[in-house]
Amino acid sequence: MANTETQQSLSSLLCTDERDFLIRNNGDQ
């Protein structure tokens, strides 16, 4: 199902963005 694939892509994108965001915040401290 294409819908499931899209959801998986979105969640992996979100996970990557969150990780980058956290890493950047930790680097600033």
PDB file of N, CA and C in Angstrom:
ATOM      1  N   MET A   1       0.840  -1.202   0.000  1.00  0.00           N
ATOM      2  CA  MET A   1       0.000   0.000   0.000  1.00  0.00           C
ATOM      3  C   MET A   1       0.877   1.256   0.000  1.00  0.00           C
ATOM      4  N   ALA A   2       0.630   2.132  -0.940  1.00  0.00           N
ATOM      5  CA  ALA A   2       1.447   3.342  -1.074  1.00  0.00           C
ATOM      6  C   ALA A   2       1.323   4.220   0.174  1.00  0.00           C
ATOM      7  N   ASN A   3       0.135   4.224   0.766  1.00  0.00           N
ATOM      8  CA  ASN A   3      -0.079   5.078   1.933  1.00  0.00           C
ATOM      9  C   ASN A   3       0.860   4.694   3.068  1.00  0.00           C
ATOM     10  N   THR A   4       1.017   3.394   3.306  1.00  0.00           N
ATOM     11  CA  THR A   4       1.904   2.932   4.367  1.00  0.00           C
ATOM     12  C   THR A   4       3.339   3.346   4.071  1.00  0.00           C
ATOM     13  N   GLU A   5       3.742   3.222   2.812  1.00  0.00           N
ATOM     14  CA  GLU A   5       5.100   3.615   2.435  1.00  0.00           C
ATOM     15  C   GLU A   5       5.331   5.090   2.721  1.00  0.00           C
ATOM     16  N   THR A   6       4.340   5.900   2.392  1.00  0.00           N
ATOM     17  CA  THR A   6       4.466   7.339   2.632  1.00  0.00           C
ATOM     18  C   THR A   6       4.610   7.614   4.119  1.00  0.00           C
ATOM     19  N   GLN A   7       3.812   6.950   4.929  1.00  0.00           N
ATOM     20  CA  GLN A   7       3.882   7.158   6.372  1.00  0.00           C
ATOM     21  C   GLN A   7       5.258   6.763   6.895  1.00  0.00           C
ATOM     22  N   GLN A   8       5.803   5.652   6.396  1.00  0.00           N
ATOM     23  CA  GLN A   8       7.117   5.217   6.850  1.00  0.00           C
ATOM     24  C   GLN A   8       8.174   6.239   6.460  1.00  0.00           C
ATOM     25  N   SER A   9       8.097   6.762   5.241  1.00  0.00           N
ATOM     26  CA  SER A   9       9.058   7.769   4.790  1.00  0.00           C
ATOM     27  C   SER A   9       8.962   9.013   5.665  1.00  0.00           C
ATOM     28  N   LEU A  10       7.745   9.424   5.967  1.00  0.00           N
ATOM     29  CA  LEU A  10       7.554  10.611   6.790  1.00  0.00           C
ATOM     30  C   LEU A  10       8.110  10.390   8.189  1.00  0.00           C
ATOM     31  N   SER A  11       7.852   9.250   8.780  1.00  0.00           N
ATOM     32  CA  SER A  11       8.341   9.026  10.139  1.00  0.00           C
ATOM     33  C   SER A  11       9.858   8.935  10.173  1.00  0.00           C
ATOM     34  N   SER A  12      10.476   8.335   9.146  1.00  0.00           N
ATOM     35  CA  SER A  12      11.939   8.280   9.140  1.00  0.00           C
ATOM     36  C   SER A  12      12.511   9.676   8.932  1.00  0.00           C
ATOM     37  N   LEU A  13      11.844  10.489   8.120  1.00  0.00           N
ATOM     38  CA  LEU A  13      12.278  11.878   7.935  1.00  0.00           C
ATOM     39  C   LEU A  13      12.183  12.634   9.257  1.00  0.00           C
ATOM     40  N   LEU A  14      11.072  12.457   9.956  1.00  0.00           N
ATOM     41  CA  LEU A  14      10.887  13.139  11.232  1.00  0.00           C
ATOM     42  C   LEU A  14      11.946  12.696  12.232  1.00  0.00           C
ATOM     43  N   CYS A  15      12.221  11.398  12.273  1.00  0.00           N
ATOM     44  CA  CYS A  15      13.229  10.881  13.198  1.00  0.00           C
ATOM     45  C   CYS A  15      14.582  11.510  12.906  1.00  0.00           C
ATOM     46  N   THR A  16      14.933  11.607  11.635  1.00  0.00           N
ATOM     47  CA  THR A  16      16.219  12.190  11.258  1.00  0.00           C
ATOM     48  C   THR A  16      16.254  13.660  11.646  1.00  0.00           C
ATOM     49  N   ASP A  17      15.178  14.389  11.378  1.00  0.00           N
ATOM     50  CA  ASP A  17      15.130  15.809  11.724  1.00  0.00           C
ATOM     51  C   ASP A  17      15.258  15.991  13.233  1.00  0.00           C
ATOM     52  N   GLU A  18      14.538  15.178  14.003  1.00  0.00           N
ATOM     53  CA  GLU A  18      14.616  15.286  15.459  1.00  0.00           C
ATOM     54  C   GLU A  18      16.034  15.021  15.939  1.00  0.00           C
ATOM     55  N   ARG A  19      16.671  13.990  15.366  1.00  0.00           N
ATOM     56  CA  ARG A  19      18.024  13.634  15.777  1.00  0.00           C
ATOM     57  C   ARG A  19      18.976  14.799  15.489  1.00  0.00           C
ATOM     58  N   ASP A  20      18.882  15.349  14.271  1.00  0.00           N
ATOM     59  CA  ASP A  20      19.742  16.482  13.912  1.00  0.00           C
ATOM     60  C   ASP A  20      19.485  17.662  14.847  1.00  0.00           C
ATOM     61  N   PHE A  21      18.229  17.902  15.155  1.00  0.00           N
ATOM     62  CA  PHE A  21      17.860  19.010  16.035  1.00  0.00           C
ATOM     63  C   PHE A  21      18.477  18.816  17.420  1.00  0.00           C
ATOM     64  N   LEU A  22      18.348  17.608  17.961  1.00  0.00           N
ATOM     65  CA  LEU A  22      18.900  17.328  19.286  1.00  0.00           C
ATOM     66  C   LEU A  22      20.410  17.446  19.279  1.00  0.00           C
ATOM     67  N   ILE A  23      21.051  16.919  18.245  1.00  0.00           N
ATOM     68  CA  ILE A  23      22.510  16.987  18.149  1.00  0.00           C
ATOM     69  C   ILE A  23      22.947  18.447  18.112  1.00  0.00           C
ATOM     70  N   ARG A  24      22.245  19.267  17.339  1.00  0.00           N
ATOM     71  CA  ARG A  24      22.600  20.681  17.243  1.00  0.00           C
ATOM     72  C   ARG A  24      22.431  21.356  18.602  1.00  0.00           C
ATOM     73  N   ASN A  25      21.352  21.041  19.305  1.00  0.00           N
ATOM     74  CA  ASN A  25      21.119  21.652  20.617  1.00  0.00           C
ATOM     75  C   ASN A  25      22.205  21.237  21.601  1.00  0.00           C
ATOM     76  N   ASN A  26      22.586  19.967  21.584  1.00  0.00           N
ATOM     77  CA  ASN A  26      23.625  19.493  22.495  1.00  0.00           C
ATOM     78  C   ASN A  26      24.952  20.164  22.188  1.00  0.00           C
ATOM     79  N   GLY A  27      25.237  20.388  20.908  1.00  0.00           N
ATOM     80  CA  GLY A  27      26.485  21.036  20.518  1.00  0.00           C
ATOM     81  C   GLY A  27      26.535  22.482  20.988  1.00  0.00           C
ATOM     82  N   ASP A  28      25.370  23.127  21.072  1.00  0.00           N
ATOM     83  CA  ASP A  28      25.343  24.538  21.476  1.00  0.00           C
ATOM     84  C   ASP A  28      25.627  24.692  22.962  1.00  0.00           C
ATOM     85  N   GLN A  29      25.266  23.723  23.745  1.00  0.00           N
ATOM     86  CA  GLN A  29      25.422  23.840  25.195  1.00  0.00           C
ATOM     87  C   GLN A  29      26.877  23.771  25.612  1.00  0.00           C
TER      88      GLN A  29
END
